[in-house]
PDB file of N, CA and C in Angstrom:
ATOM      1  N   MET A   1      63.146 118.219 145.555  1.00  0.00           N
ATOM      2  CA  MET A   1      62.639 117.861 146.865  1.00  0.00           C
ATOM      3  C   MET A   1      61.898 119.049 147.453  1.00  0.00           C
ATOM      4  N   ASP A   2      60.730 118.806 147.975  1.00  0.00           N
ATOM      5  CA  ASP A   2      59.926 119.845 148.601  1.00  0.00           C
ATOM      6  C   ASP A   2      60.253 119.866 150.087  1.00  0.00           C
ATOM      7  N   GLU A   3      61.055 120.860 150.507  1.00  0.00           N
ATOM      8  CA  GLU A   3      61.471 120.939 151.907  1.00  0.00           C
ATOM      9  C   GLU A   3      60.293 121.172 152.840  1.00  0.00           C
ATOM     10  N   SER A   4      59.187 121.763 152.343  1.00  0.00           N
ATOM     11  CA  SER A   4      58.053 122.091 153.195  1.00  0.00           C
ATOM     12  C   SER A   4      57.410 120.850 153.810  1.00  0.00           C
ATOM     13  N   LYS A   5      57.502 119.695 153.144  1.00  0.00           N
ATOM     14  CA  LYS A   5      56.881 118.488 153.711  1.00  0.00           C
ATOM     15  C   LYS A   5      57.594 118.025 154.972  1.00  0.00           C
ATOM     16  N   HIS A   6      58.806 118.504 155.214  1.00  0.00           N
ATOM     17  CA  HIS A   6      59.569 118.126 156.408  1.00  0.00           C
ATOM     18  C   HIS A   6      59.503 119.187 157.505  1.00  0.00           C
ATOM     19  N   ALA A   7      58.878 120.320 157.223  1.00  0.00           N
ATOM     20  CA  ALA A   7      58.979 121.501 158.086  1.00  0.00           C
ATOM     21  C   ALA A   7      58.493 121.278 159.516  1.00  0.00           C
ATOM     22  N   GLU A   8      57.446 120.513 159.720  1.00  0.00           N
ATOM     23  CA  GLU A   8      56.860 120.381 161.051  1.00  0.00           C
ATOM     24  C   GLU A   8      57.357 119.168 161.828  1.00  0.00           C
ATOM     25  N   GLN A   9      58.346 118.484 161.329  1.00  0.00           N
ATOM     26  CA  GLN A   9      58.836 117.283 162.000  1.00  0.00           C
ATOM     27  C   GLN A   9      59.904 117.624 163.032  1.00  0.00           C
ATOM     28  N   PRO A  10      60.063 116.788 164.042  1.00  0.00           N
ATOM     29  CA  PRO A  10      61.130 117.025 165.025  1.00  0.00           C
ATOM     30  C   PRO A  10      62.505 116.878 164.368  1.00  0.00           C
ATOM     31  N   MET A  11      63.431 117.673 164.847  1.00  0.00           N
ATOM     32  CA  MET A  11      64.789 117.660 164.312  1.00  0.00           C
ATOM     33  C   MET A  11      65.590 116.524 164.950  1.00  0.00           C
ATOM     34  N   ALA A  12      66.537 116.009 164.170  1.00  0.00           N
ATOM     35  CA  ALA A  12      67.419 114.938 164.645  1.00  0.00           C
ATOM     36  C   ALA A  12      68.795 115.164 164.030  1.00  0.00           C
ATOM     37  N   ARG A  13      69.730 114.332 164.441  1.00  0.00           N
ATOM     38  CA  ARG A  13      71.116 114.410 163.946  1.00  0.00           C
ATOM     39  C   ARG A  13      71.561 113.009 163.554  1.00  0.00           C
ATOM     40  N   LEU A  14      72.170 112.908 162.386  1.00  0.00           N
ATOM     41  CA  LEU A  14      72.720 111.647 161.892  1.00  0.00           C
ATOM     42  C   LEU A  14      74.226 111.812 161.728  1.00  0.00           C
ATOM     43  N   HIS A  15      74.977 110.944 162.366  1.00  0.00           N
ATOM     44  CA  HIS A  15      76.431 110.902 162.224  1.00  0.00           C
ATOM     45  C   HIS A  15      76.740 109.583 161.531  1.00  0.00           C
ATOM     46  N   ALA A  16      77.380 109.659 160.354  1.00  0.00           N
ATOM     47  CA  ALA A  16      77.617 108.438 159.582  1.00  0.00           C
ATOM     48  C   ALA A  16      79.044 108.389 159.050  1.00  0.00           C
ATOM     49  N   ILE A  17      79.580 107.170 158.967  1.00  0.00           N
ATOM     50  CA  ILE A  17      80.865 106.918 158.325  1.00  0.00           C
ATOM     51  C   ILE A  17      80.601 105.910 157.217  1.00  0.00           C
ATOM     52  N   VAL A  18      80.994 106.297 155.997  1.00  0.00           N
ATOM     53  CA  VAL A  18      80.713 105.497 154.811  1.00  0.00           C
ATOM     54  C   VAL A  18      81.997 104.803 154.377  1.00  0.00           C
ATOM     55  N   HIS A  19      81.928 103.484 154.224  1.00  0.00           N
ATOM     56  CA  HIS A  19      83.069 102.656 153.851  1.00  0.00           C
ATOM     57  C   HIS A  19      82.916 102.171 152.414  1.00  0.00           C
ATOM     58  N   GLY A  20      84.026 101.980 151.742  1.00  0.00           N
ATOM     59  CA  GLY A  20      84.029 101.467 150.374  1.00  0.00           C
ATOM     60  C   GLY A  20      84.884 102.347 149.479  1.00  0.00           C
ATOM     61  N   ARG A  21      84.586 102.321 148.174  1.00  0.00           N
ATOM     62  CA  ARG A  21      85.281 103.230 147.252  1.00  0.00           C
ATOM     63  C   ARG A  21      84.476 104.525 147.230  1.00  0.00           C
ATOM     64  N   VAL A  22      84.811 105.417 148.169  1.00  0.00           N
ATOM     65  CA  VAL A  22      84.036 106.643 148.360  1.00  0.00           C
ATOM     66  C   VAL A  22      84.886 107.909 148.293  1.00  0.00           C
ATOM     67  N   GLN A  23      86.169 107.758 148.087  1.00  0.00           N
ATOM     68  CA  GLN A  23      87.031 108.925 147.886  1.00  0.00           C
ATOM     69  C   GLN A  23      87.504 108.934 146.439  1.00  0.00           C
ATOM     70  N   GLY A  24      87.594 110.140 145.858  1.00  0.00           N
ATOM     71  CA  GLY A  24      88.028 110.280 144.479  1.00  0.00           C
ATOM     72  C   GLY A  24      86.932 109.968 143.465  1.00  0.00           C
ATOM     73  N   VAL A  25      85.675 109.913 143.923  1.00  0.00           N
ATOM     74  CA  VAL A  25      84.553 109.589 143.033  1.00  0.00           C
ATOM     75  C   VAL A  25      83.413 110.603 143.189  1.00  0.00           C
ATOM     76  N   ASN A  26      83.741 111.813 143.632  1.00  0.00           N
ATOM     77  CA  ASN A  26      82.762 112.902 143.819  1.00  0.00           C
ATOM     78  C   ASN A  26      81.708 112.609 144.875  1.00  0.00           C
ATOM     79  N   PHE A  27      82.018 111.706 145.789  1.00  0.00           N
ATOM     80  CA  PHE A  27      81.053 111.335 146.827  1.00  0.00           C
ATOM     81  C   PHE A  27      80.693 112.534 147.702  1.00  0.00           C
ATOM     82  N   ARG A  28      81.690 113.316 148.109  1.00  0.00           N
ATOM     83  CA  ARG A  28      81.405 114.467 148.978  1.00  0.00           C
ATOM     84  C   ARG A  28      80.507 115.481 148.279  1.00  0.00           C
ATOM     85  N   TYR A  29      80.775 115.746 146.995  1.00  0.00           N
ATOM     86  CA  TYR A  29      79.965 116.705 146.245  1.00  0.00           C
ATOM     87  C   TYR A  29      78.509 116.231 146.163  1.00  0.00           C
ATOM     88  N   TYR A  30      78.305 114.976 145.792  1.00  0.00           N
ATOM     89  CA  TYR A  30      76.937 114.444 145.694  1.00  0.00           C
ATOM     90  C   TYR A  30      76.256 114.437 147.069  1.00  0.00           C
ATOM     91  N   THR A  31      77.026 114.153 148.109  1.00  0.00           N
ATOM     92  CA  THR A  31      76.482 114.170 149.463  1.00  0.00           C
ATOM     93  C   THR A  31      76.017 115.571 149.831  1.00  0.00           C
ATOM     94  N   MET A  32      76.848 116.572 149.535  1.00  0.00           N
ATOM     95  CA  MET A  32      76.486 117.955 149.831  1.00  0.00           C
ATOM     96  C   MET A  32      75.240 118.370 149.041  1.00  0.00           C
ATOM     97  N   MET A  33      75.190 118.045 147.765  1.00  0.00           N
ATOM     98  CA  MET A  33      74.043 118.424 146.938  1.00  0.00           C
ATOM     99  C   MET A  33      72.765 117.744 147.434  1.00  0.00           C
ATOM    100  N   THR A  34      72.852 116.482 147.805  1.00  0.00           N
ATOM    101  CA  THR A  34      71.688 115.759 148.317  1.00  0.00           C
ATOM    102  C   THR A  34      71.213 116.386 149.621  1.00  0.00           C
ATOM    103  N   ALA A  35      72.142 116.671 150.525  1.00  0.00           N
ATOM    104  CA  ALA A  35      71.787 117.283 151.808  1.00  0.00           C
ATOM    105  C   ALA A  35      71.128 118.643 151.598  1.00  0.00           C
ATOM    106  N   GLN A  36      71.684 119.447 150.696  1.00  0.00           N
ATOM    107  CA  GLN A  36      71.104 120.768 150.443  1.00  0.00           C
ATOM    108  C   GLN A  36      69.706 120.647 149.842  1.00  0.00           C
ATOM    109  N   GLN A  37      69.498 119.698 148.937  1.00  0.00           N
ATOM    110  CA  GLN A  37      68.171 119.492 148.349  1.00  0.00           C
ATOM    111  C   GLN A  37      67.149 119.073 149.401  1.00  0.00           C
ATOM    112  N   LEU A  38      67.609 118.360 150.416  1.00  0.00           N
ATOM    113  CA  LEU A  38      66.724 117.900 151.488  1.00  0.00           C
ATOM    114  C   LEU A  38      66.561 118.938 152.606  1.00  0.00           C
ATOM    115  N   GLY A  39      67.274 120.062 152.508  1.00  0.00           N
ATOM    116  CA  GLY A  39      67.175 121.104 153.521  1.00  0.00           C
ATOM    117  C   GLY A  39      67.923 120.795 154.803  1.00  0.00           C
ATOM    118  N   LEU A  40      68.972 119.965 154.710  1.00  0.00           N
ATOM    119  CA  LEU A  40      69.750 119.580 155.887  1.00  0.00           C
ATOM    120  C   LEU A  40      70.916 120.530 156.099  1.00  0.00           C
ATOM    121  N   SER A  41      71.425 120.567 157.315  1.00  0.00           N
ATOM    122  CA  SER A  41      72.654 121.310 157.622  1.00  0.00           C
ATOM    123  C   SER A  41      73.661 120.327 158.181  1.00  0.00           C
ATOM    124  N   GLY A  42      74.949 120.715 158.116  1.00  0.00           N
ATOM    125  CA  GLY A  42      76.006 119.856 158.630  1.00  0.00           C
ATOM    126  C   GLY A  42      77.218 119.880 157.734  1.00  0.00           C
ATOM    127  N   TRP A  43      77.905 118.735 157.635  1.00  0.00           N
ATOM    128  CA  TRP A  43      79.133 118.685 156.845  1.00  0.00           C
ATOM    129  C   TRP A  43      79.439 117.260 156.390  1.00  0.00           C
ATOM    130  N   VAL A  44      80.358 117.175 155.425  1.00  0.00           N
ATOM    131  CA  VAL A  44      80.883 115.903 154.937  1.00  0.00           C
ATOM    132  C   VAL A  44      82.378 116.079 154.728  1.00  0.00           C
ATOM    133  N   ALA A  45      83.172 115.045 155.010  1.00  0.00           N
ATOM    134  CA  ALA A  45      84.624 115.146 154.876  1.00  0.00           C
ATOM    135  C   ALA A  45      85.246 113.783 154.608  1.00  0.00           C
ATOM    136  N   ASN A  46      86.342 113.782 153.854  1.00  0.00           N
ATOM    137  CA  ASN A  46      87.167 112.586 153.715  1.00  0.00           C
ATOM    138  C   ASN A  46      87.916 112.355 155.011  1.00  0.00           C
ATOM    139  N   ARG A  47      88.155 111.095 155.330  1.00  0.00           N
ATOM    140  CA  ARG A  47      88.968 110.739 156.491  1.00  0.00           C
ATOM    141  C   ARG A  47      90.254 110.081 156.013  1.00  0.00           C
ATOM    142  N   TRP A  48      91.241 110.082 156.853  1.00  0.00           N
ATOM    143  CA  TRP A  48      92.571 109.556 156.516  1.00  0.00           C
ATOM    144  C   TRP A  48      92.548 108.079 156.144  1.00  0.00           C
ATOM    145  N   ASP A  49      91.547 107.331 156.640  1.00  0.00           N
ATOM    146  CA  ASP A  49      91.503 105.882 156.410  1.00  0.00           C
ATOM    147  C   ASP A  49      90.740 105.481 155.141  1.00  0.00           C
ATOM    148  N   GLY A  50      90.373 106.459 154.305  1.00  0.00           N
ATOM    149  CA  GLY A  50      89.686 106.164 153.056  1.00  0.00           C
ATOM    150  C   GLY A  50      88.171 106.182 153.149  1.00  0.00           C
ATOM    151  N   THR A  51      87.640 106.415 154.339  1.00  0.00           N
ATOM    152  CA  THR A  51      86.193 106.515 154.510  1.00  0.00           C
ATOM    153  C   THR A  51      85.761 107.970 154.352  1.00  0.00           C
ATOM    154  N   VAL A  52      84.460 108.174 154.333  1.00  0.00           N
ATOM    155  CA  VAL A  52      83.879 109.518 154.324  1.00  0.00           C
ATOM    156  C   VAL A  52      82.985 109.636 155.552  1.00  0.00           C
ATOM    157  N   GLU A  53      83.114 110.740 156.266  1.00  0.00           N
ATOM    158  CA  GLU A  53      82.327 110.990 157.473  1.00  0.00           C
ATOM    159  C   GLU A  53      81.372 112.144 157.205  1.00  0.00           C
ATOM    160  N   THR A  54      80.170 112.041 157.732  1.00  0.00           N
ATOM    161  CA  THR A  54      79.207 113.125 157.598  1.00  0.00           C
ATOM    162  C   THR A  54      78.387 113.265 158.869  1.00  0.00           C
ATOM    163  N   VAL A  55      78.043 114.499 159.174  1.00  0.00           N
ATOM    164  CA  VAL A  55      77.119 114.813 160.257  1.00  0.00           C
ATOM    165  C   VAL A  55      76.051 115.713 159.642  1.00  0.00           C
ATOM    166  N   ALA A  56      74.804 115.330 159.796  1.00  0.00           N
ATOM    167  CA  ALA A  56      73.709 116.105 159.214  1.00  0.00           C
ATOM    168  C   ALA A  56      72.593 116.260 160.234  1.00  0.00           C
ATOM    169  N   GLU A  57      71.956 117.425 160.209  1.00  0.00           N
ATOM    170  CA  GLU A  57      70.814 117.688 161.079  1.00  0.00           C
ATOM    171  C   GLU A  57      69.640 118.164 160.252  1.00  0.00           C
ATOM    172  N   GLY A  58      68.457 117.774 160.687  1.00  0.00           N
ATOM    173  CA  GLY A  58      67.236 118.186 160.029  1.00  0.00           C
ATOM    174  C   GLY A  58      66.092 117.295 160.460  1.00  0.00           C
ATOM    175  N   PRO A  59      64.961 117.400 159.767  1.00  0.00           N
ATOM    176  CA  PRO A  59      63.818 116.549 160.085  1.00  0.00           C
ATOM    177  C   PRO A  59      64.162 115.072 159.883  1.00  0.00           C
ATOM    178  N   ARG A  60      63.627 114.230 160.729  1.00  0.00           N
ATOM    179  CA  ARG A  60      63.953 112.794 160.707  1.00  0.00           C
ATOM    180  C   ARG A  60      63.681 112.154 159.337  1.00  0.00           C
ATOM    181  N   ASP A  61      62.559 112.492 158.708  1.00  0.00           N
ATOM    182  CA  ASP A  61      62.254 111.911 157.393  1.00  0.00           C
ATOM    183  C   ASP A  61      63.286 112.310 156.349  1.00  0.00           C
ATOM    184  N   ALA A  62      63.731 113.572 156.379  1.00  0.00           N
ATOM    185  CA  ALA A  62      64.756 114.027 155.435  1.00  0.00           C
ATOM    186  C   ALA A  62      66.072 113.299 155.692  1.00  0.00           C
ATOM    187  N   LEU A  63      66.402 113.091 156.960  1.00  0.00           N
ATOM    188  CA  LEU A  63      67.624 112.356 157.293  1.00  0.00           C
ATOM    189  C   LEU A  63      67.544 110.904 156.857  1.00  0.00           C
ATOM    190  N   THR A  64      66.369 110.322 156.920  1.00  0.00           N
ATOM    191  CA  THR A  64      66.190 108.946 156.449  1.00  0.00           C
ATOM    192  C   THR A  64      66.428 108.874 154.943  1.00  0.00           C
ATOM    193  N   GLU A  65      65.950 109.868 154.191  1.00  0.00           N
ATOM    194  CA  GLU A  65      66.215 109.926 152.746  1.00  0.00           C
ATOM    195  C   GLU A  65      67.710 110.122 152.485  1.00  0.00           C
ATOM    196  N   PHE A  66      68.340 110.955 153.295  1.00  0.00           N
ATOM    197  CA  PHE A  66      69.775 111.207 153.181  1.00  0.00           C
ATOM    198  C   PHE A  66      70.560 109.914 153.431  1.00  0.00           C
ATOM    199  N   LEU A  67      70.165 109.167 154.447  1.00  0.00           N
ATOM    200  CA  LEU A  67      70.822 107.896 154.756  1.00  0.00           C
ATOM    201  C   LEU A  67      70.680 106.916 153.595  1.00  0.00           C
ATOM    202  N   ALA A  68      69.535 106.904 152.953  1.00  0.00           N
ATOM    203  CA  ALA A  68      69.347 106.030 151.781  1.00  0.00           C
ATOM    204  C   ALA A  68      70.330 106.413 150.682  1.00  0.00           C
ATOM    205  N   PHE A  69      70.543 107.718 150.483  1.00  0.00           N
ATOM    206  CA  PHE A  69      71.549 108.150 149.507  1.00  0.00           C
ATOM    207  C   PHE A  69      72.935 107.645 149.913  1.00  0.00           C
ATOM    208  N   LEU A  70      73.293 107.769 151.183  1.00  0.00           N
ATOM    209  CA  LEU A  70      74.615 107.342 151.636  1.00  0.00           C
ATOM    210  C   LEU A  70      74.853 105.863 151.344  1.00  0.00           C
ATOM    211  N   HIS A  71      73.829 105.055 151.464  1.00  0.00           N
ATOM    212  CA  HIS A  71      73.962 103.626 151.157  1.00  0.00           C
ATOM    213  C   HIS A  71      74.152 103.392 149.663  1.00  0.00           C
ATOM    214  N   LYS A  72      73.612 104.265 148.845  1.00  0.00           N
ATOM    215  CA  LYS A  72      73.726 104.136 147.386  1.00  0.00           C
ATOM    216  C   LYS A  72      75.004 104.798 146.873  1.00  0.00           C
ATOM    217  N   GLY A  73      75.269 106.021 147.310  1.00  0.00           N
ATOM    218  CA  GLY A  73      76.469 106.747 146.918  1.00  0.00           C
ATOM    219  C   GLY A  73      76.363 107.460 145.592  1.00  0.00           C
ATOM    220  N   SER A  74      77.447 108.103 145.209  1.00  0.00           N
ATOM    221  CA  SER A  74      77.530 108.802 143.929  1.00  0.00           C
ATOM    222  C   SER A  74      77.635 107.761 142.810  1.00  0.00           C
ATOM    223  N   PRO A  75      77.430 108.182 141.553  1.00  0.00           N
ATOM    224  CA  PRO A  75      77.426 107.211 140.454  1.00  0.00           C
ATOM    225  C   PRO A  75      78.679 106.331 140.356  1.00  0.00           C
ATOM    226  N   SER A  76      79.853 106.868 140.682  1.00  0.00           N
ATOM    227  CA  SER A  76      81.097 106.095 140.560  1.00  0.00           C
ATOM    228  C   SER A  76      81.537 105.437 141.867  1.00  0.00           C
ATOM    229  N   ALA A  77      80.776 105.639 142.920  1.00  0.00           N
ATOM    230  CA  ALA A  77      81.142 105.083 144.226  1.00  0.00           C
ATOM    231  C   ALA A  77      80.709 103.633 144.341  1.00  0.00           C
ATOM    232  N   PHE A  78      81.364 102.931 145.269  1.00  0.00           N
ATOM    233  CA  PHE A  78      80.936 101.592 145.659  1.00  0.00           C
ATOM    234  C   PHE A  78      80.896 101.577 147.180  1.00  0.00           C
ATOM    235  N   VAL A  79      79.693 101.637 147.736  1.00  0.00           N
ATOM    236  CA  VAL A  79      79.521 101.678 149.183  1.00  0.00           C
ATOM    237  C   VAL A  79      79.456 100.253 149.719  1.00  0.00           C
ATOM    238  N   GLN A  80      80.371  99.943 150.642  1.00  0.00           N
ATOM    239  CA  GLN A  80      80.370  98.625 151.285  1.00  0.00           C
ATOM    240  C   GLN A  80      79.454  98.603 152.499  1.00  0.00           C
ATOM    241  N   ARG A  81      79.551  99.652 153.313  1.00  0.00           N
ATOM    242  CA  ARG A  81      78.680  99.729 154.490  1.00  0.00           C
ATOM    243  C   ARG A  81      78.646 101.165 154.998  1.00  0.00           C
ATOM    244  N   VAL A  82      77.630 101.439 155.797  1.00  0.00           N
ATOM    245  CA  VAL A  82      77.471 102.742 156.438  1.00  0.00           C
ATOM    246  C   VAL A  82      77.266 102.505 157.922  1.00  0.00           C
ATOM    247  N   ASP A  83      78.172 103.056 158.731  1.00  0.00           N
ATOM    248  CA  ASP A  83      78.012 103.026 160.187  1.00  0.00           C
ATOM    249  C   ASP A  83      77.243 104.288 160.562  1.00  0.00           C
ATOM    250  N   GLU A  84      76.118 104.138 161.213  1.00  0.00           N
ATOM    251  CA  GLU A  84      75.272 105.288 161.532  1.00  0.00           C
ATOM    252  C   GLU A  84      75.009 105.395 163.019  1.00  0.00           C
ATOM    253  N   ARG A  85      74.875 106.628 163.471  1.00  0.00           N
ATOM    254  CA  ARG A  85      74.522 106.899 164.866  1.00  0.00           C
ATOM    255  C   ARG A  85      73.525 108.055 164.871  1.00  0.00           C
ATOM    256  N   TRP A  86      72.379 107.839 165.463  1.00  0.00           N
ATOM    257  CA  TRP A  86      71.350 108.868 165.575  1.00  0.00           C
ATOM    258  C   TRP A  86      71.485 109.559 166.921  1.00  0.00           C
ATOM    259  N   GLU A  87      71.363 110.877 166.896  1.00  0.00           N
ATOM    260  CA  GLU A  87      71.525 111.680 168.107  1.00  0.00           C
ATOM    261  C   GLU A  87      70.488 112.799 168.110  1.00  0.00           C
ATOM    262  N   ALA A  88      70.446 113.534 169.207  1.00  0.00           N
ATOM    263  CA  ALA A  88      69.599 114.726 169.274  1.00  0.00           C
ATOM    264  C   ALA A  88      70.276 115.850 168.489  1.00  0.00           C
ATOM    265  N   ALA A  89      69.480 116.637 167.788  1.00  0.00           N
ATOM    266  CA  ALA A  89      70.021 117.770 167.034  1.00  0.00           C
ATOM    267  C   ALA A  89      70.554 118.824 168.004  1.00  0.00           C
ATOM    268  N   THR A  90      71.649 119.473 167.612  1.00  0.00           N
ATOM    269  CA  THR A  90      72.232 120.535 168.436  1.00  0.00           C
ATOM    270  C   THR A  90      71.925 121.917 167.889  1.00  0.00           C
ATOM    271  N   GLY A  91      71.584 122.015 166.603  1.00  0.00           N
ATOM    272  CA  GLY A  91      71.323 123.299 165.980  1.00  0.00           C
ATOM    273  C   GLY A  91      72.570 124.116 165.701  1.00  0.00           C
ATOM    274  N   GLU A  92      73.735 123.475 165.738  1.00  0.00           N
ATOM    275  CA  GLU A  92      74.992 124.212 165.585  1.00  0.00           C
ATOM    276  C   GLU A  92      75.329 124.592 164.150  1.00  0.00           C
ATOM    277  N   PHE A  93      74.646 124.011 163.157  1.00  0.00           N
ATOM    278  CA  PHE A  93      74.976 124.275 161.758  1.00  0.00           C
ATOM    279  C   PHE A  93      73.930 125.182 161.115  1.00  0.00           C
ATOM    280  N   THR A  94      74.383 126.025 160.195  1.00  0.00           N
ATOM    281  CA  THR A  94      73.461 126.891 159.463  1.00  0.00           C
ATOM    282  C   THR A  94      73.313 126.470 158.008  1.00  0.00           C
ATOM    283  N   ARG A  95      74.238 125.632 157.533  1.00  0.00           N
ATOM    284  CA  ARG A  95      74.195 125.155 156.149  1.00  0.00           C
ATOM    285  C   ARG A  95      74.942 123.830 156.082  1.00  0.00           C
ATOM    286  N   PHE A  96      74.906 123.198 154.915  1.00  0.00           N
ATOM    287  CA  PHE A  96      75.654 121.959 154.728  1.00  0.00           C
ATOM    288  C   PHE A  96      76.849 122.264 153.832  1.00  0.00           C
ATOM    289  N   ARG A  97      78.032 121.777 154.232  1.00  0.00           N
ATOM    290  CA  ARG A  97      79.242 122.087 153.469  1.00  0.00           C
ATOM    291  C   ARG A  97      80.208 120.906 153.462  1.00  0.00           C
ATOM    292  N   VAL A  98      81.167 120.977 152.546  1.00  0.00           N
ATOM    293  CA  VAL A  98      82.282 120.032 152.514  1.00  0.00           C
ATOM    294  C   VAL A  98      83.358 120.580 153.434  1.00  0.00           C
ATOM    295  N   ARG A  99      83.868 119.744 154.324  1.00  0.00           N
ATOM    296  CA  ARG A  99      84.980 120.142 155.202  1.00  0.00           C
ATOM    297  C   ARG A  99      86.265 119.545 154.650  1.00  0.00           C
ATOM    298  N   TYR A 100      87.309 120.341 154.719  1.00  0.00           N
ATOM    299  CA  TYR A 100      88.621 119.904 154.242  1.00  0.00           C
ATOM    300  C   TYR A 100      89.631 119.797 155.386  1.00  0.00           C
ATOM    301  N   ASP A 101      89.186 119.966 156.627  1.00  0.00           N
ATOM    302  CA  ASP A 101      90.084 120.002 157.786  1.00  0.00           C
ATOM    303  C   ASP A 101      90.097 118.712 158.572  1.00  0.00           C
ATOM    304  N   ARG A 102      89.567 117.634 158.051  1.00  0.00           N
ATOM    305  CA  ARG A 102      89.499 116.382 158.796  1.00  0.00           C
ATOM    306  C   ARG A 102      90.685 115.506 158.478  1.00  0.00           C
TER     307      ARG A 102
END
């Protein structure tokens, strides 16, 4: 992915919860790698209810590509649905990482 094509776009924030078979199938790792390839910052984490939650910030087009990945998932995942909320970027993240504290 060429991050430079997104450089001049306005920043946005995507908060998503992914439902389905998304834990125990490397979903967080693939999510982190996809976000890093797209030049996004934020985090991804498993939730107690079996879903995966992610917050990502970056150019709107990159976030749209990221959302498409979330709907598809990792090779062993089965995504049933993605609840998404678009917000204004806060700039609070410097990189994208897996969180283990959720």
